[in-house]
Amino acid sequence: MHYLHEQQYYVDLYDLQTIEECLDYYWAIKDGFAKDRKKFKKFSDDEFKKEAHKCTSYAVNIIKIERYRRKAETIKKWMDKDKRTQELYDNAVSRLGYIRDG
């Protein structure tokens, strides 16, 4: 069984999770603004879209910054965990072979 992967696997996984989280927040905020459109009567449709985009972009940028700050640490934790799991599996399999042979 293969638990530990190349580092790029973890980088790609982290980046994919970042994209998914950003999209979740983007659409939640954008949908929230759309539901409350009546409260923003003074804005034309174009102005409203522009301001809503500013807010969603700002929020998503904060998420990206925070995820970037934690990226190396998180990937290291994932790799360390998978390395320990791989070592346990490898040692168990080699011990099983030793018991059979011995």
PDB file of N, CA and C in Angstrom:
ATOM      1  N   MET A   1       0.847  -1.175   0.000  1.00  0.00           N
ATOM      2  CA  MET A   1       0.000   0.000   0.000  1.00  0.00           C
ATOM      3  C   MET A   1       0.892   1.237   0.000  1.00  0.00           C
ATOM      4  N   HIS A   2       0.431   2.262  -0.683  1.00  0.00           N
ATOM      5  CA  HIS A   2       1.231   3.474  -0.852  1.00  0.00           C
ATOM      6  C   HIS A   2       0.516   4.651  -0.186  1.00  0.00           C
ATOM      7  N   TYR A   3       1.115   5.163   0.904  1.00  0.00           N
ATOM      8  CA  TYR A   3       0.520   6.287   1.629  1.00  0.00           C
ATOM      9  C   TYR A   3       1.233   7.604   1.346  1.00  0.00           C
ATOM     10  N   LEU A   4       2.543   7.554   1.275  1.00  0.00           N
ATOM     11  CA  LEU A   4       3.336   8.763   1.079  1.00  0.00           C
ATOM     12  C   LEU A   4       3.465   9.064  -0.409  1.00  0.00           C
ATOM     13  N   HIS A   5       3.199  10.313  -0.776  1.00  0.00           N
ATOM     14  CA  HIS A   5       3.259  10.742  -2.176  1.00  0.00           C
ATOM     15  C   HIS A   5       4.394  11.746  -2.356  1.00  0.00           C
ATOM     16  N   GLU A   6       4.642  12.085  -3.614  1.00  0.00           N
ATOM     17  CA  GLU A   6       5.606  13.139  -3.915  1.00  0.00           C
ATOM     18  C   GLU A   6       5.057  14.465  -3.397  1.00  0.00           C
ATOM     19  N   GLN A   7       5.942  15.413  -3.112  1.00  0.00           N
ATOM     20  CA  GLN A   7       5.525  16.694  -2.550  1.00  0.00           C
ATOM     21  C   GLN A   7       4.516  17.414  -3.451  1.00  0.00           C
ATOM     22  N   GLN A   8       4.661  17.300  -4.754  1.00  0.00           N
ATOM     23  CA  GLN A   8       3.761  17.999  -5.680  1.00  0.00           C
ATOM     24  C   GLN A   8       2.305  17.564  -5.482  1.00  0.00           C
ATOM     25  N   TYR A   9       2.101  16.314  -5.112  1.00  0.00           N
ATOM     26  CA  TYR A   9       0.748  15.822  -4.832  1.00  0.00           C
ATOM     27  C   TYR A   9       0.093  16.661  -3.734  1.00  0.00           C
ATOM     28  N   TYR A  10       0.832  16.918  -2.664  1.00  0.00           N
ATOM     29  CA  TYR A  10       0.310  17.684  -1.533  1.00  0.00           C
ATOM     30  C   TYR A  10       0.128  19.163  -1.901  1.00  0.00           C
ATOM     31  N   VAL A  11       1.050  19.680  -2.685  1.00  0.00           N
ATOM     32  CA  VAL A  11       0.932  21.070  -3.149  1.00  0.00           C
ATOM     33  C   VAL A  11      -0.333  21.224  -3.985  1.00  0.00           C
ATOM     34  N   ASP A  12      -0.547  20.300  -4.901  1.00  0.00           N
ATOM     35  CA  ASP A  12      -1.740  20.354  -5.748  1.00  0.00           C
ATOM     36  C   ASP A  12      -3.015  20.207  -4.920  1.00  0.00           C
ATOM     37  N   LEU A  13      -2.994  19.309  -3.955  1.00  0.00           N
ATOM     38  CA  LEU A  13      -4.154  19.113  -3.096  1.00  0.00           C
ATOM     39  C   LEU A  13      -4.462  20.376  -2.304  1.00  0.00           C
ATOM     40  N   TYR A  14      -3.437  20.998  -1.746  1.00  0.00           N
ATOM     41  CA  TYR A  14      -3.620  22.224  -0.977  1.00  0.00           C
ATOM     42  C   TYR A  14      -4.162  23.343  -1.864  1.00  0.00           C
ATOM     43  N   ASP A  15      -3.586  23.469  -3.045  1.00  0.00           N
ATOM     44  CA  ASP A  15      -4.038  24.517  -3.967  1.00  0.00           C
ATOM     45  C   ASP A  15      -5.492  24.294  -4.385  1.00  0.00           C
ATOM     46  N   LEU A  16      -5.862  23.053  -4.633  1.00  0.00           N
ATOM     47  CA  LEU A  16      -7.242  22.739  -4.996  1.00  0.00           C
ATOM     48  C   LEU A  16      -8.195  23.095  -3.853  1.00  0.00           C
ATOM     49  N   GLN A  17      -7.804  22.782  -2.628  1.00  0.00           N
ATOM     50  CA  GLN A  17      -8.637  23.135  -1.477  1.00  0.00           C
ATOM     51  C   GLN A  17      -8.754  24.652  -1.325  1.00  0.00           C
ATOM     52  N   THR A  18      -7.671  25.351  -1.626  1.00  0.00           N
ATOM     53  CA  THR A  18      -7.703  26.820  -1.568  1.00  0.00           C
ATOM     54  C   THR A  18      -8.693  27.367  -2.583  1.00  0.00           C
ATOM     55  N   ILE A  19      -8.652  26.853  -3.789  1.00  0.00           N
ATOM     56  CA  ILE A  19      -9.575  27.296  -4.835  1.00  0.00           C
ATOM     57  C   ILE A  19     -11.016  27.013  -4.429  1.00  0.00           C
ATOM     58  N   GLU A  20     -11.271  25.825  -3.912  1.00  0.00           N
ATOM     59  CA  GLU A  20     -12.629  25.467  -3.508  1.00  0.00           C
ATOM     60  C   GLU A  20     -13.127  26.373  -2.384  1.00  0.00           C
ATOM     61  N   GLU A  21     -12.274  26.643  -1.397  1.00  0.00           N
ATOM     62  CA  GLU A  21     -12.670  27.518  -0.298  1.00  0.00           C
ATOM     63  C   GLU A  21     -12.947  28.930  -0.793  1.00  0.00           C
ATOM     64  N   CYS A  22     -12.093  29.435  -1.658  1.00  0.00           N
ATOM     65  CA  CYS A  22     -12.294  30.779  -2.207  1.00  0.00           C
ATOM     66  C   CYS A  22     -13.593  30.859  -3.005  1.00  0.00           C
ATOM     67  N   LEU A  23     -13.861  29.864  -3.801  1.00  0.00           N
ATOM     68  CA  LEU A  23     -15.108  29.861  -4.578  1.00  0.00           C
ATOM     69  C   LEU A  23     -16.330  29.783  -3.671  1.00  0.00           C
ATOM     70  N   ASP A  24     -16.246  28.974  -2.622  1.00  0.00           N
ATOM     71  CA  ASP A  24     -17.365  28.882  -1.678  1.00  0.00           C
ATOM     72  C   ASP A  24     -17.667  30.242  -1.065  1.00  0.00           C
ATOM     73  N   TYR A  25     -16.621  30.920  -0.603  1.00  0.00           N
ATOM     74  CA  TYR A  25     -16.812  32.242  -0.007  1.00  0.00           C
ATOM     75  C   TYR A  25     -17.291  33.255  -1.047  1.00  0.00           C
ATOM     76  N   TYR A  26     -16.692  33.209  -2.226  1.00  0.00           N
ATOM     77  CA  TYR A  26     -17.068  34.149  -3.291  1.00  0.00           C
ATOM     78  C   TYR A  26     -18.572  34.054  -3.575  1.00  0.00           C
ATOM     79  N   TRP A  27     -19.046  32.839  -3.807  1.00  0.00           N
ATOM     80  CA  TRP A  27     -20.456  32.682  -4.171  1.00  0.00           C
ATOM     81  C   TRP A  27     -21.382  32.954  -2.988  1.00  0.00           C
ATOM     82  N   ALA A  28     -20.952  32.615  -1.780  1.00  0.00           N
ATOM     83  CA  ALA A  28     -21.789  32.901  -0.606  1.00  0.00           C
ATOM     84  C   ALA A  28     -21.955  34.406  -0.423  1.00  0.00           C
ATOM     85  N   ILE A  29     -20.873  35.154  -0.558  1.00  0.00           N
ATOM     86  CA  ILE A  29     -20.939  36.611  -0.402  1.00  0.00           C
ATOM     87  C   ILE A  29     -21.740  37.232  -1.538  1.00  0.00           C
ATOM     88  N   LYS A  30     -21.444  36.783  -2.756  1.00  0.00           N
ATOM     89  CA  LYS A  30     -22.152  37.334  -3.915  1.00  0.00           C
ATOM     90  C   LYS A  30     -23.656  37.053  -3.826  1.00  0.00           C
ATOM     91  N   ASP A  31     -24.016  35.836  -3.422  1.00  0.00           N
ATOM     92  CA  ASP A  31     -25.430  35.498  -3.263  1.00  0.00           C
ATOM     93  C   ASP A  31     -26.067  36.317  -2.149  1.00  0.00           C
ATOM     94  N   GLY A  32     -25.309  36.567  -1.084  1.00  0.00           N
ATOM     95  CA  GLY A  32     -25.812  37.401   0.004  1.00  0.00           C
ATOM     96  C   GLY A  32     -26.117  38.812  -0.463  1.00  0.00           C
ATOM     97  N   PHE A  33     -25.221  39.358  -1.260  1.00  0.00           N
ATOM     98  CA  PHE A  33     -25.468  40.697  -1.806  1.00  0.00           C
ATOM     99  C   PHE A  33     -26.693  40.691  -2.719  1.00  0.00           C
ATOM    100  N   ALA A  34     -26.810  39.662  -3.548  1.00  0.00           N
ATOM    101  CA  ALA A  34     -27.941  39.600  -4.484  1.00  0.00           C
ATOM    102  C   ALA A  34     -29.269  39.517  -3.727  1.00  0.00           C
ATOM    103  N   LYS A  35     -29.295  38.780  -2.618  1.00  0.00           N
ATOM    104  CA  LYS A  35     -30.523  38.662  -1.825  1.00  0.00           C
ATOM    105  C   LYS A  35     -30.917  40.001  -1.214  1.00  0.00           C
ATOM    106  N   ASP A  36     -29.923  40.792  -0.859  1.00  0.00           N
ATOM    107  CA  ASP A  36     -30.182  42.084  -0.221  1.00  0.00           C
ATOM    108  C   ASP A  36     -30.098  43.245  -1.211  1.00  0.00           C
ATOM    109  N   ARG A  37     -30.295  42.983  -2.471  1.00  0.00           N
ATOM    110  CA  ARG A  37     -30.175  44.022  -3.502  1.00  0.00           C
ATOM    111  C   ARG A  37     -31.077  45.207  -3.207  1.00  0.00           C
ATOM    112  N   LYS A  38     -32.231  44.962  -2.619  1.00  0.00           N
ATOM    113  CA  LYS A  38     -33.199  46.028  -2.331  1.00  0.00           C
ATOM    114  C   LYS A  38     -32.612  47.088  -1.397  1.00  0.00           C
ATOM    115  N   LYS A  39     -31.683  46.680  -0.545  1.00  0.00           N
ATOM    116  CA  LYS A  39     -31.077  47.612   0.410  1.00  0.00           C
ATOM    117  C   LYS A  39     -30.103  48.577  -0.272  1.00  0.00           C
ATOM    118  N   PHE A  40     -29.752  48.289  -1.507  1.00  0.00           N
ATOM    119  CA  PHE A  40     -28.757  49.084  -2.226  1.00  0.00           C
ATOM    120  C   PHE A  40     -29.399  49.804  -3.419  1.00  0.00           C
ATOM    121  N   LYS A  41     -30.533  50.390  -3.186  1.00  0.00           N
ATOM    122  CA  LYS A  41     -31.302  51.032  -4.258  1.00  0.00           C
ATOM    123  C   LYS A  41     -30.558  52.195  -4.904  1.00  0.00           C
ATOM    124  N   LYS A  42     -29.708  52.843  -4.134  1.00  0.00           N
ATOM    125  CA  LYS A  42     -29.035  54.028  -4.682  1.00  0.00           C
ATOM    126  C   LYS A  42     -27.998  53.665  -5.752  1.00  0.00           C
ATOM    127  N   PHE A  43     -27.639  52.402  -5.856  1.00  0.00           N
ATOM    128  CA  PHE A  43     -26.655  51.968  -6.850  1.00  0.00           C
ATOM    129  C   PHE A  43     -27.349  51.497  -8.123  1.00  0.00           C
ATOM    130  N   SER A  44     -26.788  51.866  -9.241  1.00  0.00           N
ATOM    131  CA  SER A  44     -27.277  51.294 -10.505  1.00  0.00           C
ATOM    132  C   SER A  44     -26.827  49.826 -10.529  1.00  0.00           C
ATOM    133  N   ASP A  45     -27.338  49.080 -11.486  1.00  0.00           N
ATOM    134  CA  ASP A  45     -26.956  47.670 -11.572  1.00  0.00           C
ATOM    135  C   ASP A  45     -25.449  47.509 -11.776  1.00  0.00           C
ATOM    136  N   ASP A  46     -24.880  48.340 -12.637  1.00  0.00           N
ATOM    137  CA  ASP A  46     -23.435  48.267 -12.878  1.00  0.00           C
ATOM    138  C   ASP A  46     -22.638  48.638 -11.633  1.00  0.00           C
ATOM    139  N   GLU A  47     -23.068  49.693 -10.939  1.00  0.00           N
ATOM    140  CA  GLU A  47     -22.383  50.105  -9.706  1.00  0.00           C
ATOM    141  C   GLU A  47     -22.496  49.011  -8.644  1.00  0.00           C
ATOM    142  N   PHE A  48     -23.679  48.426  -8.555  1.00  0.00           N
ATOM    143  CA  PHE A  48     -23.891  47.358  -7.577  1.00  0.00           C
ATOM    144  C   PHE A  48     -22.969  46.174  -7.855  1.00  0.00           C
ATOM    145  N   LYS A  49     -22.900  45.761  -9.105  1.00  0.00           N
ATOM    146  CA  LYS A  49     -22.030  44.642  -9.474  1.00  0.00           C
ATOM    147  C   LYS A  49     -20.573  44.962  -9.166  1.00  0.00           C
ATOM    148  N   LYS A  50     -20.168  46.178  -9.460  1.00  0.00           N
ATOM    149  CA  LYS A  50     -18.791  46.598  -9.207  1.00  0.00           C
ATOM    150  C   LYS A  50     -18.471  46.572  -7.713  1.00  0.00           C
ATOM    151  N   GLU A  51     -19.363  47.114  -6.890  1.00  0.00           N
ATOM    152  CA  GLU A  51     -19.144  47.151  -5.442  1.00  0.00           C
ATOM    153  C   GLU A  51     -19.201  45.752  -4.827  1.00  0.00           C
ATOM    154  N   ALA A  52     -20.128  44.936  -5.309  1.00  0.00           N
ATOM    155  CA  ALA A  52     -20.217  43.561  -4.815  1.00  0.00           C
ATOM    156  C   ALA A  52     -18.946  42.800  -5.173  1.00  0.00           C
ATOM    157  N   HIS A  53     -18.437  43.032  -6.381  1.00  0.00           N
ATOM    158  CA  HIS A  53     -17.193  42.378  -6.796  1.00  0.00           C
ATOM    159  C   HIS A  53     -16.019  42.815  -5.920  1.00  0.00           C
ATOM    160  N   LYS A  54     -15.969  44.090  -5.572  1.00  0.00           N
ATOM    161  CA  LYS A  54     -14.907  44.584  -4.684  1.00  0.00           C
ATOM    162  C   LYS A  54     -14.934  43.844  -3.352  1.00  0.00           C
ATOM    163  N   CYS A  55     -16.115  43.723  -2.782  1.00  0.00           N
ATOM    164  CA  CYS A  55     -16.254  43.060  -1.478  1.00  0.00           C
ATOM    165  C   CYS A  55     -15.868  41.580  -1.562  1.00  0.00           C
ATOM    166  N   THR A  56     -16.346  40.907  -2.587  1.00  0.00           N
ATOM    167  CA  THR A  56     -16.025  39.484  -2.715  1.00  0.00           C
ATOM    168  C   THR A  56     -14.541  39.295  -2.983  1.00  0.00           C
ATOM    169  N   SER A  57     -13.962  40.146  -3.794  1.00  0.00           N
ATOM    170  CA  SER A  57     -12.531  40.041  -4.093  1.00  0.00           C
ATOM    171  C   SER A  57     -11.693  40.278  -2.851  1.00  0.00           C
ATOM    172  N   TYR A  58     -12.087  41.260  -2.054  1.00  0.00           N
ATOM    173  CA  TYR A  58     -11.362  41.559  -0.819  1.00  0.00           C
ATOM    174  C   TYR A  58     -11.386  40.347   0.115  1.00  0.00           C
ATOM    175  N   ALA A  59     -12.558  39.764   0.302  1.00  0.00           N
ATOM    176  CA  ALA A  59     -12.695  38.605   1.186  1.00  0.00           C
ATOM    177  C   ALA A  59     -11.874  37.419   0.673  1.00  0.00           C
ATOM    178  N   VAL A  60     -11.947  37.167  -0.620  1.00  0.00           N
ATOM    179  CA  VAL A  60     -11.210  36.042  -1.204  1.00  0.00           C
ATOM    180  C   VAL A  60      -9.704  36.286  -1.093  1.00  0.00           C
ATOM    181  N   ASN A  61      -9.258  37.512  -1.259  1.00  0.00           N
ATOM    182  CA  ASN A  61      -7.824  37.807  -1.120  1.00  0.00           C
ATOM    183  C   ASN A  61      -7.337  37.549   0.305  1.00  0.00           C
ATOM    184  N   ILE A  62      -8.150  37.850   1.284  1.00  0.00           N
ATOM    185  CA  ILE A  62      -7.769  37.568   2.675  1.00  0.00           C
ATOM    186  C   ILE A  62      -7.622  36.064   2.880  1.00  0.00           C
ATOM    187  N   ILE A  63      -8.554  35.294   2.335  1.00  0.00           N
ATOM    188  CA  ILE A  63      -8.477  33.839   2.448  1.00  0.00           C
ATOM    189  C   ILE A  63      -7.208  33.320   1.770  1.00  0.00           C
ATOM    190  N   LYS A  64      -6.921  33.837   0.574  1.00  0.00           N
ATOM    191  CA  LYS A  64      -5.716  33.395  -0.145  1.00  0.00           C
ATOM    192  C   LYS A  64      -4.453  33.706   0.647  1.00  0.00           C
ATOM    193  N   ILE A  65      -4.403  34.867   1.248  1.00  0.00           N
ATOM    194  CA  ILE A  65      -3.227  35.263   2.037  1.00  0.00           C
ATOM    195  C   ILE A  65      -3.050  34.327   3.226  1.00  0.00           C
ATOM    196  N   GLU A  66      -4.139  34.071   3.941  1.00  0.00           N
ATOM    197  CA  GLU A  66      -4.063  33.193   5.113  1.00  0.00           C
ATOM    198  C   GLU A  66      -3.673  31.777   4.717  1.00  0.00           C
ATOM    199  N   ARG A  67      -4.229  31.302   3.638  1.00  0.00           N
ATOM    200  CA  ARG A  67      -3.884  29.941   3.195  1.00  0.00           C
ATOM    201  C   ARG A  67      -2.425  29.883   2.733  1.00  0.00           C
ATOM    202  N   TYR A  68      -1.946  30.940   2.099  1.00  0.00           N
ATOM    203  CA  TYR A  68      -0.548  30.971   1.687  1.00  0.00           C
ATOM    204  C   TYR A  68       0.370  30.921   2.913  1.00  0.00           C
ATOM    205  N   ARG A  69       0.000  31.648   3.955  1.00  0.00           N
ATOM    206  CA  ARG A  69       0.810  31.659   5.178  1.00  0.00           C
ATOM    207  C   ARG A  69       0.916  30.270   5.808  1.00  0.00           C
ATOM    208  N   ARG A  70      -0.145  29.490   5.709  1.00  0.00           N
ATOM    209  CA  ARG A  70      -0.172  28.166   6.334  1.00  0.00           C
ATOM    210  C   ARG A  70       0.237  27.037   5.385  1.00  0.00           C
ATOM    211  N   LYS A  71       0.502  27.351   4.141  1.00  0.00           N
ATOM    212  CA  LYS A  71       0.712  26.322   3.123  1.00  0.00           C
ATOM    213  C   LYS A  71       1.872  25.390   3.453  1.00  0.00           C
ATOM    214  N   ALA A  72       3.048  25.909   3.666  1.00  0.00           N
ATOM    215  CA  ALA A  72       4.226  25.069   3.903  1.00  0.00           C
ATOM    216  C   ALA A  72       4.050  24.222   5.161  1.00  0.00           C
ATOM    217  N   GLU A  73       3.536  24.836   6.212  1.00  0.00           N
ATOM    218  CA  GLU A  73       3.326  24.119   7.480  1.00  0.00           C
ATOM    219  C   GLU A  73       2.314  22.982   7.311  1.00  0.00           C
ATOM    220  N   THR A  74       1.220  23.265   6.627  1.00  0.00           N
ATOM    221  CA  THR A  74       0.177  22.259   6.429  1.00  0.00           C
ATOM    222  C   THR A  74       0.684  21.107   5.577  1.00  0.00           C
ATOM    223  N   ILE A  75       1.383  21.417   4.498  1.00  0.00           N
ATOM    224  CA  ILE A  75       1.911  20.368   3.628  1.00  0.00           C
ATOM    225  C   ILE A  75       2.910  19.510   4.392  1.00  0.00           C
ATOM    226  N   LYS A  76       3.748  20.130   5.200  1.00  0.00           N
ATOM    227  CA  LYS A  76       4.708  19.370   6.010  1.00  0.00           C
ATOM    228  C   LYS A  76       3.981  18.431   6.963  1.00  0.00           C
ATOM    229  N   LYS A  77       2.927  18.911   7.615  1.00  0.00           N
ATOM    230  CA  LYS A  77       2.145  18.065   8.525  1.00  0.00           C
ATOM    231  C   LYS A  77       1.541  16.881   7.784  1.00  0.00           C
ATOM    232  N   TRP A  78       0.963  17.149   6.609  1.00  0.00           N
ATOM    233  CA  TRP A  78       0.377  16.068   5.819  1.00  0.00           C
ATOM    234  C   TRP A  78       1.428  15.035   5.442  1.00  0.00           C
ATOM    235  N   MET A  79       2.577  15.519   4.988  1.00  0.00           N
ATOM    236  CA  MET A  79       3.630  14.599   4.554  1.00  0.00           C
ATOM    237  C   MET A  79       4.187  13.814   5.738  1.00  0.00           C
ATOM    238  N   ASP A  80       4.378  14.466   6.868  1.00  0.00           N
ATOM    239  CA  ASP A  80       4.879  13.771   8.065  1.00  0.00           C
ATOM    240  C   ASP A  80       3.901  12.686   8.507  1.00  0.00           C
ATOM    241  N   LYS A  81       2.621  13.005   8.490  1.00  0.00           N
ATOM    242  CA  LYS A  81       1.600  12.020   8.871  1.00  0.00           C
ATOM    243  C   LYS A  81       1.613  10.830   7.920  1.00  0.00           C
ATOM    244  N   ASP A  82       1.644  11.105   6.625  1.00  0.00           N
ATOM    245  CA  ASP A  82       1.661  10.024   5.644  1.00  0.00           C
ATOM    246  C   ASP A  82       2.964   9.233   5.708  1.00  0.00           C
ATOM    247  N   LYS A  83       4.057   9.894   6.036  1.00  0.00           N
ATOM    248  CA  LYS A  83       5.339   9.192   6.176  1.00  0.00           C
ATOM    249  C   LYS A  83       5.273   8.218   7.355  1.00  0.00           C
ATOM    250  N   ARG A  84       4.714   8.660   8.489  1.00  0.00           N
ATOM    251  CA  ARG A  84       4.566   7.771   9.655  1.00  0.00           C
ATOM    252  C   ARG A  84       3.665   6.589   9.313  1.00  0.00           C
ATOM    253  N   THR A  85       2.571   6.865   8.621  1.00  0.00           N
ATOM    254  CA  THR A  85       1.651   5.796   8.222  1.00  0.00           C
ATOM    255  C   THR A  85       2.350   4.815   7.290  1.00  0.00           C
ATOM    256  N   GLN A  86       3.112   5.341   6.340  1.00  0.00           N
ATOM    257  CA  GLN A  86       3.838   4.479   5.401  1.00  0.00           C
ATOM    258  C   GLN A  86       4.852   3.616   6.131  1.00  0.00           C
ATOM    259  N   GLU A  87       5.566   4.217   7.078  1.00  0.00           N
ATOM    260  CA  GLU A  87       6.557   3.461   7.851  1.00  0.00           C
ATOM    261  C   GLU A  87       5.896   2.352   8.674  1.00  0.00           C
ATOM    262  N   LEU A  88       4.747   2.658   9.290  1.00  0.00           N
ATOM    263  CA  LEU A  88       4.024   1.636  10.045  1.00  0.00           C
ATOM    264  C   LEU A  88       3.613   0.483   9.135  1.00  0.00           C
ATOM    265  N   TYR A  89       3.092   0.823   7.980  1.00  0.00           N
ATOM    266  CA  TYR A  89       2.677  -0.209   7.030  1.00  0.00           C
ATOM    267  C   TYR A  89       3.876  -1.025   6.550  1.00  0.00           C
ATOM    268  N   ASP A  90       4.937  -0.340   6.162  1.00  0.00           N
ATOM    269  CA  ASP A  90       6.127  -1.046   5.667  1.00  0.00           C
ATOM    270  C   ASP A  90       6.712  -1.959   6.729  1.00  0.00           C
ATOM    271  N   ASN A  91       6.780  -1.473   7.970  1.00  0.00           N
ATOM    272  CA  ASN A  91       7.320  -2.284   9.059  1.00  0.00           C
ATOM    273  C   ASN A  91       6.417  -3.467   9.370  1.00  0.00           C
ATOM    274  N   ALA A  92       5.119  -3.272   9.298  1.00  0.00           N
ATOM    275  CA  ALA A  92       4.187  -4.365   9.558  1.00  0.00           C
ATOM    276  C   ALA A  92       4.308  -5.435   8.493  1.00  0.00           C
ATOM    277  N   VAL A  93       4.411  -5.035   7.247  1.00  0.00           N
ATOM    278  CA  VAL A  93       4.546  -5.995   6.156  1.00  0.00           C
ATOM    279  C   VAL A  93       5.871  -6.740   6.260  1.00  0.00           C
ATOM    280  N   SER A  94       6.957  -6.025   6.564  1.00  0.00           N
ATOM    281  CA  SER A  94       8.258  -6.694   6.657  1.00  0.00           C
ATOM    282  C   SER A  94       8.294  -7.627   7.862  1.00  0.00           C
ATOM    283  N   ARG A  95       7.655  -7.258   8.960  1.00  0.00           N
ATOM    284  CA  ARG A  95       7.593  -8.139  10.132  1.00  0.00           C
ATOM    285  C   ARG A  95       6.750  -9.363   9.841  1.00  0.00           C
ATOM    286  N   LEU A  96       5.669  -9.188   9.104  1.00  0.00           N
ATOM    287  CA  LEU A  96       4.826 -10.316   8.731  1.00  0.00           C
ATOM    288  C   LEU A  96       5.619 -11.302   7.887  1.00  0.00           C
ATOM    289  N   GLY A  97       6.405 -10.783   6.959  1.00  0.00           N
ATOM    290  CA  GLY A  97       7.255 -11.644   6.142  1.00  0.00           C
ATOM    291  C   GLY A  97       8.289 -12.358   6.984  1.00  0.00           C
ATOM    292  N   TYR A  98       8.820 -11.698   7.979  1.00  0.00           N
ATOM    293  CA  TYR A  98       9.811 -12.288   8.878  1.00  0.00           C
ATOM    294  C   TYR A  98       9.178 -13.414   9.696  1.00  0.00           C
ATOM    295  N   ILE A  99       7.957 -13.206  10.144  1.00  0.00           N
ATOM    296  CA  ILE A  99       7.268 -14.244  10.942  1.00  0.00           C
ATOM    297  C   ILE A  99       6.987 -15.464  10.090  1.00  0.00           C
ATOM    298  N   ARG A 100       6.570 -15.244   8.847  1.00  0.00           N
ATOM    299  CA  ARG A 100       6.305 -16.373   7.946  1.00  0.00           C
ATOM    300  C   ARG A 100       7.563 -17.159   7.644  1.00  0.00           C
ATOM    301  N   ASP A 101       8.670 -16.409   7.404  1.00  0.00           N
ATOM    302  CA  ASP A 101       9.923 -17.061   7.037  1.00  0.00           C
ATOM    303  C   ASP A 101      10.581 -17.738   8.243  1.00  0.00           C
ATOM    304  N   GLY A 102      10.410 -17.148   9.426  1.00  0.00           N
ATOM    305  CA  GLY A 102      11.099 -17.604  10.629  1.00  0.00           C
ATOM    306  C   GLY A 102      10.453 -18.772  11.217  1.00  0.00           C
TER     307      GLY A 102
END
